[in-house]
C-alpha atoms as a PDB file:
ATOM      1  CA  MET A   1     -14.449 139.856  54.319  1.00  0.00           C
ATOM      2  CA  SER A   2     -15.912 143.099  55.545  1.00  0.00           C
ATOM      3  CA  LYS A   3     -15.095 144.138  59.071  1.00  0.00           C
ATOM      4  CA  ASN A   4     -17.905 146.604  59.658  1.00  0.00           C
ATOM      5  CA  GLU A   5     -19.179 146.896  63.213  1.00  0.00           C
ATOM      6  CA  ILE A   6     -22.355 144.812  63.528  1.00  0.00           C
ATOM      7  CA  VAL A   7     -22.943 144.931  67.306  1.00  0.00           C
ATOM      8  CA  LYS A   8     -22.249 147.750  69.734  1.00  0.00           C
ATOM      9  CA  VAL A   9     -22.832 147.475  73.476  1.00  0.00           C
ATOM     10  CA  GLU A  10     -21.938 150.409  75.705  1.00  0.00           C
ATOM     11  CA  HIS A  11     -22.229 150.660  79.498  1.00  0.00           C
ATOM     12  CA  LEU A  12     -24.939 148.004  79.597  1.00  0.00           C
ATOM     13  CA  ASN A  13     -26.516 147.178  82.958  1.00  0.00           C
ATOM     14  CA  LYS A  14     -29.184 144.584  83.654  1.00  0.00           C
ATOM     15  CA  GLU A  15     -31.149 143.852  86.816  1.00  0.00           C
ATOM     16  CA  TYR A  16     -33.749 141.234  87.696  1.00  0.00           C
ATOM     17  CA  VAL A  17     -36.264 141.767  90.479  1.00  0.00           C
ATOM     18  CA  THR A  18     -37.216 138.773  92.625  1.00  0.00           C
ATOM     19  CA  ASP A  19     -39.546 139.051  95.626  1.00  0.00           C
ATOM     20  CA  GLY A  20     -39.174 142.811  95.519  1.00  0.00           C
ATOM     21  CA  LYS A  21     -35.366 142.673  95.590  1.00  0.00           C
ATOM     22  CA  ALA A  22     -33.202 143.814  92.692  1.00  0.00           C
ATOM     23  CA  PHE A  23     -30.269 141.632  91.601  1.00  0.00           C
ATOM     24  CA  GLN A  24     -27.720 143.045  89.197  1.00  0.00           C
ATOM     25  CA  VAL A  25     -26.791 140.498  86.543  1.00  0.00           C
ATOM     26  CA  LEU A  26     -24.666 142.598  84.169  1.00  0.00           C
ATOM     27  CA  LYS A  27     -22.554 145.598  85.127  1.00  0.00           C
ATOM     28  CA  ASP A  28     -21.132 148.215  82.763  1.00  0.00           C
ATOM     29  CA  ILE A  29     -20.688 145.918  79.766  1.00  0.00           C
ATOM     30  CA  SER A  30     -19.036 147.507  76.717  1.00  0.00           C
ATOM     31  CA  LEU A  31     -18.300 145.365  73.663  1.00  0.00           C
ATOM     32  CA  THR A  32     -18.210 145.645  69.871  1.00  0.00           C
ATOM     33  CA  ILE A  33     -18.483 142.775  67.388  1.00  0.00           C
ATOM     34  CA  ASN A  34     -17.314 143.101  63.790  1.00  0.00           C
ATOM     35  CA  GLU A  35     -19.051 141.572  60.808  1.00  0.00           C
ATOM     36  CA  GLY A  36     -17.741 138.085  60.033  1.00  0.00           C
ATOM     37  CA  GLU A  37     -16.123 137.563  63.461  1.00  0.00           C
ATOM     38  CA  PHE A  38     -16.436 134.483  65.661  1.00  0.00           C
ATOM     39  CA  VAL A  39     -16.447 135.690  69.281  1.00  0.00           C
ATOM     40  CA  THR A  40     -16.732 133.401  72.309  1.00  0.00           C
ATOM     41  CA  ILE A  41     -17.872 134.383  75.809  1.00  0.00           C
ATOM     42  CA  VAL A  42     -16.699 132.379  78.810  1.00  0.00           C
ATOM     43  CA  GLY A  43     -17.342 132.652  82.549  1.00  0.00           C
ATOM     44  CA  HIS A  44     -18.864 131.032  85.639  1.00  0.00           C
ATOM     45  CA  SER A  45     -22.495 129.903  85.676  1.00  0.00           C
ATOM     46  CA  GLY A  46     -24.772 132.797  86.594  1.00  0.00           C
ATOM     47  CA  CYS A  47     -22.407 135.550  85.422  1.00  0.00           C
ATOM     48  CA  GLY A  48     -24.888 136.803  82.819  1.00  0.00           C
ATOM     49  CA  LYS A  49     -23.382 135.322  79.636  1.00  0.00           C
ATOM     50  CA  SER A  50     -26.690 133.997  78.326  1.00  0.00           C
ATOM     51  CA  THR A  51     -28.498 137.151  79.424  1.00  0.00           C
ATOM     52  CA  LEU A  52     -26.056 139.244  77.385  1.00  0.00           C
ATOM     53  CA  LEU A  53     -26.674 137.046  74.345  1.00  0.00           C
ATOM     54  CA  LYS A  54     -30.458 137.336  74.719  1.00  0.00           C
ATOM     55  CA  ILE A  55     -30.224 141.121  75.082  1.00  0.00           C
ATOM     56  CA  ILE A  56     -28.237 141.327  71.825  1.00  0.00           C
ATOM     57  CA  CYS A  57     -30.858 139.114  70.184  1.00  0.00           C
ATOM     58  CA  GLY A  58     -33.684 141.266  71.543  1.00  0.00           C
ATOM     59  CA  LEU A  59     -35.292 138.537  73.655  1.00  0.00           C
ATOM     60  CA  VAL A  60     -34.573 140.319  76.967  1.00  0.00           C
ATOM     61  CA  ASP A  61     -34.764 144.026  77.780  1.00  0.00           C
ATOM     62  CA  TYR A  62     -32.126 145.863  79.798  1.00  0.00           C
ATOM     63  CA  SER A  63     -31.880 148.460  82.548  1.00  0.00           C
ATOM     64  CA  ASP A  64     -29.680 151.075  80.928  1.00  0.00           C
ATOM     65  CA  GLY A  65     -26.910 151.510  78.395  1.00  0.00           C
ATOM     66  CA  VAL A  66     -26.709 151.208  74.616  1.00  0.00           C
ATOM     67  CA  VAL A  67     -27.273 148.037  72.563  1.00  0.00           C
ATOM     68  CA  GLU A  68     -27.232 148.348  68.775  1.00  0.00           C
ATOM     69  CA  ARG A  69     -27.288 145.976  65.798  1.00  0.00           C
ATOM     70  CA  ASP A  70     -26.224 147.442  62.466  1.00  0.00           C
ATOM     71  CA  GLY A  71     -26.399 150.923  63.947  1.00  0.00           C
ATOM     72  CA  GLU A  72     -30.014 150.513  65.094  1.00  0.00           C
ATOM     73  CA  LYS A  73     -31.184 150.291  68.703  1.00  0.00           C
ATOM     74  CA  VAL A  74     -32.197 146.759  69.685  1.00  0.00           C
ATOM     75  CA  THR A  75     -35.912 146.741  70.465  1.00  0.00           C
ATOM     76  CA  GLY A  76     -36.725 143.091  69.804  1.00  0.00           C
ATOM     77  CA  PRO A  77     -35.782 140.022  67.749  1.00  0.00           C
ATOM     78  CA  VAL A  78     -35.333 140.308  63.986  1.00  0.00           C
ATOM     79  CA  PRO A  79     -34.821 137.681  61.238  1.00  0.00           C
ATOM     80  CA  GLN A  80     -31.284 138.985  60.620  1.00  0.00           C
ATOM     81  CA  CYS A  81     -30.266 137.687  64.060  1.00  0.00           C
ATOM     82  CA  GLY A  82     -30.683 133.939  64.606  1.00  0.00           C
ATOM     83  CA  MET A  83     -30.245 132.045  67.860  1.00  0.00           C
ATOM     84  CA  VAL A  84     -29.400 128.444  68.786  1.00  0.00           C
ATOM     85  CA  PHE A  85     -29.892 127.184  72.345  1.00  0.00           C
ATOM     86  CA  GLN A  86     -28.363 124.348  74.365  1.00  0.00           C
ATOM     87  CA  ASP A  87     -31.520 122.287  73.942  1.00  0.00           C
ATOM     88  CA  HIS A  88     -32.344 122.086  70.250  1.00  0.00           C
ATOM     89  CA  ARG A  89     -36.015 123.083  70.758  1.00  0.00           C
ATOM     90  CA  LEU A  90     -37.162 121.189  67.690  1.00  0.00           C
ATOM     91  CA  LEU A  91     -40.913 120.648  67.466  1.00  0.00           C
ATOM     92  CA  PRO A  92     -41.360 116.884  67.991  1.00  0.00           C
ATOM     93  CA  TRP A  93     -44.475 116.588  65.804  1.00  0.00           C
ATOM     94  CA  LEU A  94     -42.764 118.113  62.754  1.00  0.00           C
ATOM     95  CA  LYS A  95     -40.357 116.411  60.383  1.00  0.00           C
ATOM     96  CA  ILE A  96     -36.810 117.784  60.325  1.00  0.00           C
ATOM     97  CA  LYS A  97     -37.367 119.593  57.010  1.00  0.00           C
ATOM     98  CA  ASP A  98     -40.422 121.314  58.482  1.00  0.00           C
ATOM     99  CA  ASN A  99     -38.553 122.261  61.649  1.00  0.00           C
ATOM    100  CA  VAL A 100     -35.776 123.856  59.597  1.00  0.00           C
ATOM    101  CA  GLY A 101     -38.268 125.746  57.441  1.00  0.00           C
ATOM    102  CA  PHE A 102     -40.557 126.712  60.319  1.00  0.00           C
ATOM    103  CA  GLY A 103     -39.392 130.324  60.606  1.00  0.00           C
ATOM    104  CA  ILE A 104     -39.141 131.045  56.873  1.00  0.00           C
ATOM    105  CA  LYS A 105     -41.997 133.327  55.873  1.00  0.00           C
ATOM    106  CA  ASP A 106     -43.176 134.998  52.669  1.00  0.00           C
ATOM    107  CA  LEU A 107     -41.346 132.630  50.344  1.00  0.00           C
ATOM    108  CA  GLN A 108     -42.779 130.514  47.524  1.00  0.00           C
ATOM    109  CA  LYS A 109     -43.061 126.821  48.358  1.00  0.00           C
ATOM    110  CA  ASP A 110     -40.474 125.622  45.825  1.00  0.00           C
ATOM    111  CA  LYS A 111     -37.938 128.265  46.880  1.00  0.00           C
ATOM    112  CA  LYS A 112     -38.520 127.455  50.548  1.00  0.00           C
ATOM    113  CA  GLU A 113     -38.011 123.743  49.922  1.00  0.00           C
ATOM    114  CA  LYS A 114     -34.791 124.467  48.011  1.00  0.00           C
ATOM    115  CA  LEU A 115     -33.517 126.646  50.861  1.00  0.00           C
ATOM    116  CA  VAL A 116     -34.315 123.990  53.470  1.00  0.00           C
ATOM    117  CA  LYS A 117     -32.621 121.312  51.368  1.00  0.00           C
ATOM    118  CA  GLU A 118     -29.475 123.426  50.974  1.00  0.00           C
ATOM    119  CA  HIS A 119     -29.185 124.029  54.702  1.00  0.00           C
ATOM    120  CA  LEU A 120     -29.779 120.382  55.620  1.00  0.00           C
ATOM    121  CA  GLU A 121     -26.950 119.494  53.249  1.00  0.00           C
ATOM    122  CA  LEU A 122     -24.817 122.260  54.757  1.00  0.00           C
ATOM    123  CA  VAL A 123     -25.050 120.693  58.246  1.00  0.00           C
ATOM    124  CA  GLY A 124     -24.661 117.117  57.002  1.00  0.00           C
ATOM    125  CA  LEU A 125     -28.287 115.976  57.348  1.00  0.00           C
ATOM    126  CA  LYS A 126     -29.013 115.068  53.738  1.00  0.00           C
ATOM    127  CA  GLY A 127     -31.271 112.019  53.752  1.00  0.00           C
ATOM    128  CA  PHE A 128     -32.885 112.858  57.099  1.00  0.00           C
ATOM    129  CA  GLU A 129     -35.404 115.371  55.759  1.00  0.00           C
ATOM    130  CA  ASN A 130     -38.408 113.193  56.644  1.00  0.00           C
ATOM    131  CA  SER A 131     -37.133 112.024  60.039  1.00  0.00           C
ATOM    132  CA  TYR A 132     -38.638 113.242  63.288  1.00  0.00           C
ATOM    133  CA  PRO A 133     -36.531 114.749  66.127  1.00  0.00           C
ATOM    134  CA  SER A 134     -36.994 111.602  68.248  1.00  0.00           C
ATOM    135  CA  GLN A 135     -35.235 109.607  65.514  1.00  0.00           C
ATOM    136  CA  LEU A 136     -32.067 111.734  65.632  1.00  0.00           C
ATOM    137  CA  SER A 137     -29.092 111.655  67.982  1.00  0.00           C
ATOM    138  CA  GLY A 138     -28.238 114.671  70.136  1.00  0.00           C
ATOM    139  CA  GLY A 139     -25.564 115.838  67.728  1.00  0.00           C
ATOM    140  CA  MET A 140     -27.858 115.469  64.724  1.00  0.00           C
ATOM    141  CA  SER A 141     -30.602 117.404  66.518  1.00  0.00           C
ATOM    142  CA  GLN A 142     -28.179 120.254  67.151  1.00  0.00           C
ATOM    143  CA  ARG A 143     -27.208 120.197  63.488  1.00  0.00           C
ATOM    144  CA  ALA A 144     -30.893 120.611  62.645  1.00  0.00           C
ATOM    145  CA  ALA A 145     -31.164 123.496  65.118  1.00  0.00           C
ATOM    146  CA  ILE A 146     -28.162 125.205  63.485  1.00  0.00           C
ATOM    147  CA  ALA A 147     -29.713 124.671  60.038  1.00  0.00           C
ATOM    148  CA  ARG A 148     -32.932 126.263  61.296  1.00  0.00           C
ATOM    149  CA  GLY A 149     -30.968 129.191  62.712  1.00  0.00           C
ATOM    150  CA  LEU A 150     -29.178 129.729  59.384  1.00  0.00           C
ATOM    151  CA  ALA A 151     -32.076 129.034  57.011  1.00  0.00           C
ATOM    152  CA  GLY A 152     -33.401 132.580  57.283  1.00  0.00           C
ATOM    153  CA  ASP A 153     -29.968 133.814  56.103  1.00  0.00           C
ATOM    154  CA  PRO A 154     -29.204 135.896  59.217  1.00  0.00           C
ATOM    155  CA  LYS A 155     -26.232 138.230  59.300  1.00  0.00           C
ATOM    156  CA  MET A 156     -25.508 137.024  62.819  1.00  0.00           C
ATOM    157  CA  LEU A 157     -25.985 133.741  64.687  1.00  0.00           C
ATOM    158  CA  LEU A 158     -25.956 133.649  68.491  1.00  0.00           C
ATOM    159  CA  LEU A 159     -25.155 130.297  70.098  1.00  0.00           C
ATOM    160  CA  ASP A 160     -25.981 129.679  73.759  1.00  0.00           C
ATOM    161  CA  GLU A 161     -24.036 126.580  74.907  1.00  0.00           C
ATOM    162  CA  PRO A 162     -25.171 124.680  71.802  1.00  0.00           C
ATOM    163  CA  PHE A 163     -22.854 121.708  72.403  1.00  0.00           C
ATOM    164  CA  GLY A 164     -23.120 121.541  76.199  1.00  0.00           C
ATOM    165  CA  ALA A 165     -25.215 118.350  76.278  1.00  0.00           C
ATOM    166  CA  LEU A 166     -23.094 116.433  73.761  1.00  0.00           C
ATOM    167  CA  ASP A 167     -20.459 113.817  74.489  1.00  0.00           C
ATOM    168  CA  ALA A 168     -16.831 114.896  74.171  1.00  0.00           C
ATOM    169  CA  LEU A 169     -16.148 113.377  70.737  1.00  0.00           C
ATOM    170  CA  THR A 170     -19.379 114.649  69.186  1.00  0.00           C
ATOM    171  CA  ARG A 171     -18.682 118.057  70.692  1.00  0.00           C
ATOM    172  CA  ILE A 172     -15.278 118.285  69.002  1.00  0.00           C
ATOM    173  CA  GLN A 173     -16.843 117.203  65.708  1.00  0.00           C
ATOM    174  CA  MET A 174     -19.526 119.883  66.037  1.00  0.00           C
ATOM    175  CA  GLN A 175     -16.912 122.538  66.816  1.00  0.00           C
ATOM    176  CA  ARG A 176     -15.173 121.728  63.538  1.00  0.00           C
ATOM    177  CA  GLU A 177     -18.492 121.746  61.700  1.00  0.00           C
ATOM    178  CA  ILE A 178     -19.546 125.143  63.016  1.00  0.00           C
ATOM    179  CA  LEU A 179     -16.192 126.606  61.934  1.00  0.00           C
ATOM    180  CA  ARG A 180     -16.661 125.153  58.451  1.00  0.00           C
ATOM    181  CA  ILE A 181     -20.183 126.563  58.240  1.00  0.00           C
ATOM    182  CA  GLN A 182     -19.105 129.967  59.528  1.00  0.00           C
ATOM    183  CA  LYS A 183     -16.350 130.149  56.935  1.00  0.00           C
ATOM    184  CA  GLU A 184     -18.676 129.049  54.134  1.00  0.00           C
ATOM    185  CA  LYS A 185     -21.556 131.375  55.093  1.00  0.00           C
ATOM    186  CA  GLU A 186     -19.399 134.245  56.431  1.00  0.00           C
ATOM    187  CA  THR A 187     -21.939 134.636  59.239  1.00  0.00           C
ATOM    188  CA  THR A 188     -21.002 136.611  62.349  1.00  0.00           C
ATOM    189  CA  MET A 189     -21.163 134.214  65.308  1.00  0.00           C
ATOM    190  CA  ILE A 190     -21.165 134.817  69.058  1.00  0.00           C
ATOM    191  CA  MET A 191     -21.037 131.747  71.295  1.00  0.00           C
ATOM    192  CA  VAL A 192     -21.505 131.428  75.045  1.00  0.00           C
ATOM    193  CA  THR A 193     -19.673 128.455  76.531  1.00  0.00           C
ATOM    194  CA  HIS A 194     -18.437 127.079  79.864  1.00  0.00           C
ATOM    195  CA  ASP A 195     -15.780 125.051  78.042  1.00  0.00           C
ATOM    196  CA  ILE A 196     -12.500 126.972  77.999  1.00  0.00           C
ATOM    197  CA  ASP A 197     -10.952 124.732  75.312  1.00  0.00           C
ATOM    198  CA  GLU A 198     -13.993 125.372  73.126  1.00  0.00           C
ATOM    199  CA  ALA A 199     -13.786 129.116  73.722  1.00  0.00           C
ATOM    200  CA  ILE A 200     -10.145 129.118  72.579  1.00  0.00           C
ATOM    201  CA  PHE A 201     -10.592 126.782  69.607  1.00  0.00           C
ATOM    202  CA  LEU A 202     -13.482 128.779  68.136  1.00  0.00           C
ATOM    203  CA  GLY A 203     -12.920 132.346  69.243  1.00  0.00           C
ATOM    204  CA  GLU A 204     -11.077 134.966  67.240  1.00  0.00           C
ATOM    205  CA  ARG A 205     -11.647 136.953  70.428  1.00  0.00           C
ATOM    206  CA  ILE A 206     -12.517 135.503  73.831  1.00  0.00           C
ATOM    207  CA  VAL A 207     -14.590 137.619  76.210  1.00  0.00           C
ATOM    208  CA  VAL A 208     -13.800 136.613  79.807  1.00  0.00           C
ATOM    209  CA  MET A 209     -16.515 137.531  82.316  1.00  0.00           C
ATOM    210  CA  SER A 210     -16.408 137.681  86.104  1.00  0.00           C
ATOM    211  CA  ALA A 211     -18.955 136.200  88.499  1.00  0.00           C
ATOM    212  CA  ARG A 212     -22.215 138.044  89.226  1.00  0.00           C
ATOM    213  CA  PRO A 213     -22.658 140.824  88.602  1.00  0.00           C
ATOM    214  CA  GLY A 214     -21.117 139.930  85.277  1.00  0.00           C
ATOM    215  CA  GLU A 215     -18.367 142.273  84.125  1.00  0.00           C
ATOM    216  CA  ILE A 216     -15.919 141.914  81.257  1.00  0.00           C
ATOM    217  CA  LYS A 217     -12.550 141.257  82.859  1.00  0.00           C
ATOM    218  CA  LYS A 218     -10.554 140.730  79.672  1.00  0.00           C
ATOM    219  CA  ILE A 219     -10.915 140.373  75.911  1.00  0.00           C
ATOM    220  CA  ILE A 220      -8.256 138.064  74.504  1.00  0.00           C
ATOM    221  CA  LYS A 221      -7.404 138.193  70.800  1.00  0.00           C
ATOM    222  CA  THR A 222      -6.190 134.832  69.539  1.00  0.00           C
ATOM    223  CA  ASP A 223      -3.989 133.734  66.675  1.00  0.00           C
ATOM    224  CA  LYS A 224      -5.857 131.691  64.041  1.00  0.00           C
ATOM    225  CA  TYR A 225      -3.266 128.933  63.781  1.00  0.00           C
ATOM    226  CA  ALA A 226      -2.291 128.743  67.450  1.00  0.00           C
ATOM    227  CA  ARG A 227      -5.862 128.318  68.674  1.00  0.00           C
ATOM    228  CA  ARG A 228      -6.591 125.467  66.254  1.00  0.00           C
ATOM    229  CA  ASN A 229      -3.779 123.302  67.685  1.00  0.00           C
ATOM    230  CA  ARG A 230      -5.021 122.082  71.068  1.00  0.00           C
ATOM    231  CA  GLY A 231      -1.640 120.544  71.861  1.00  0.00           C
ATOM    232  CA  SER A 232       0.447 123.644  71.192  1.00  0.00           C
ATOM    233  CA  ALA A 233       2.239 125.772  73.765  1.00  0.00           C
ATOM    234  CA  GLU A 234       0.287 128.788  72.517  1.00  0.00           C
ATOM    235  CA  PHE A 235      -3.043 127.042  73.170  1.00  0.00           C
ATOM    236  CA  ALA A 236      -1.876 126.164  76.696  1.00  0.00           C
ATOM    237  CA  ALA A 237      -0.850 129.794  77.229  1.00  0.00           C
ATOM    238  CA  TYR A 238      -4.331 131.023  76.274  1.00  0.00           C
ATOM    239  CA  LYS A 239      -5.793 128.459  78.651  1.00  0.00           C
ATOM    240  CA  LYS A 240      -3.571 129.540  81.527  1.00  0.00           C
ATOM    241  CA  GLN A 241      -4.376 133.201  80.868  1.00  0.00           C
ATOM    242  CA  ILE A 242      -8.109 132.480  81.187  1.00  0.00           C
ATOM    243  CA  TYR A 243      -7.647 130.255  84.260  1.00  0.00           C
ATOM    244  CA  ASN A 244      -5.774 133.102  85.959  1.00  0.00           C
ATOM    245  CA  PHE A 245      -9.035 135.062  86.109  1.00  0.00           C
ATOM    246  CA  PHE A 246     -10.870 132.258  87.911  1.00  0.00           C
ATOM    247  CA  PHE A 247      -8.379 130.293  90.028  1.00  0.00           C
ATOM    248  CA  GLU A 248      -5.489 131.307  92.261  1.00  0.00           C
ATOM    249  CA  ASP A 249      -3.756 127.987  91.614  1.00  0.00           C
ATOM    250  CA  SER A 250      -4.261 128.152  87.855  1.00  0.00           C
ATOM    251  CA  ALA A 251      -0.848 126.690  87.008  1.00  0.00           C
ATOM    252  CA  ASP A 252      -1.462 123.591  89.136  1.00  0.00           C
ATOM    253  CA  LEU A 253      -5.004 123.256  87.834  1.00  0.00           C
ATOM    254  CA  LEU A 254      -3.861 123.475  84.216  1.00  0.00           C
ATOM    255  CA  GLU A 255      -1.273 120.763  84.839  1.00  0.00           C
ATOM    256  CA  GLU A 256      -3.900 118.534  86.479  1.00  0.00           C
ATOM    257  CA  THR A 257      -6.441 118.933  83.661  1.00  0.00           C
ATOM    258  CA  GLU A 258      -3.831 118.252  80.999  1.00  0.00           C
ATOM    259  CA  PHE A 259      -2.774 115.114  82.908  1.00  0.00           C
ATOM    260  CA  MET A 260      -6.405 113.931  83.038  1.00  0.00           C
ATOM    261  CA  ILE A 261      -6.785 114.513  79.304  1.00  0.00           C
END
C-alpha cells in the first residue's frame, strides 16, 4: 500500500466570532496523514476535533495556516473526500438504494445501480435496497451512511463520531466492520471520537487534543496487534497514556473503568 502524503496541515488556526467576540477553536495545528492510514482524533467536547475534520473536508474555512489535500490547497469539498456524520443524515423519503446513490453524478443508470449494489453488499445491507431509513435500526442506518460515503470511490473518508449514538455491542460490531471495509477498499480514514477504547482499537496513530483552544498534545503510534486486543497490557498502556493528558488521577480512573467493564 502506498504511503504518499494525502493531507498536510501546517500551523492551522481557526476562530469563530460570536456577538462581536472572537473565540479561538484551533491553535497552531500541524498534522500529516498518509495514504491508506487510519488515524483517530480524541479529545474533550468543544476542543475543535469536528471543526478540524470539516476544514480538511472543505466544509469550513479557516483563519490562517496551510491545509492541503493531495498537494492542493483546500478550497471546498470534493468527491475524492467523503464524510460520515454522527447522525446518518439519510433522506427519509428516499429508499436506501437511492440514498446511497444520491451523490453519484454523471454515471449511466446501469453502472450507477451496479455501484450502489456493490456498496450495499460491502456494508452488509444486501436485501434492504428498497427499505426506507425509518425501517432500519441505528446501526443499519450508519452502514447506509458509510456506503453512501464510499459509493463515490473517495480516496479519503472522514468520520465524525459515526458510532456515538449506537449501543455498546452494535458499536463494537461497527468498529470491526469499518476496519474490514478500510482494508478491502484501502481508503484513507480519519475518525473523530470521544471513546478512547475506539480511538485505540481503530487508530494506527491517535491524535490527542487539548481543551479549547484545541492543540495537538501528542500523536501516539500504535502497534497493529496490540491495539486489536482490548484485554492486553499494551492496550491498557495506550489507554493510560491518553488518560494522562486529561486526568491527574489517571491510574485510579483506569482501574475504576476496567472494574466497571
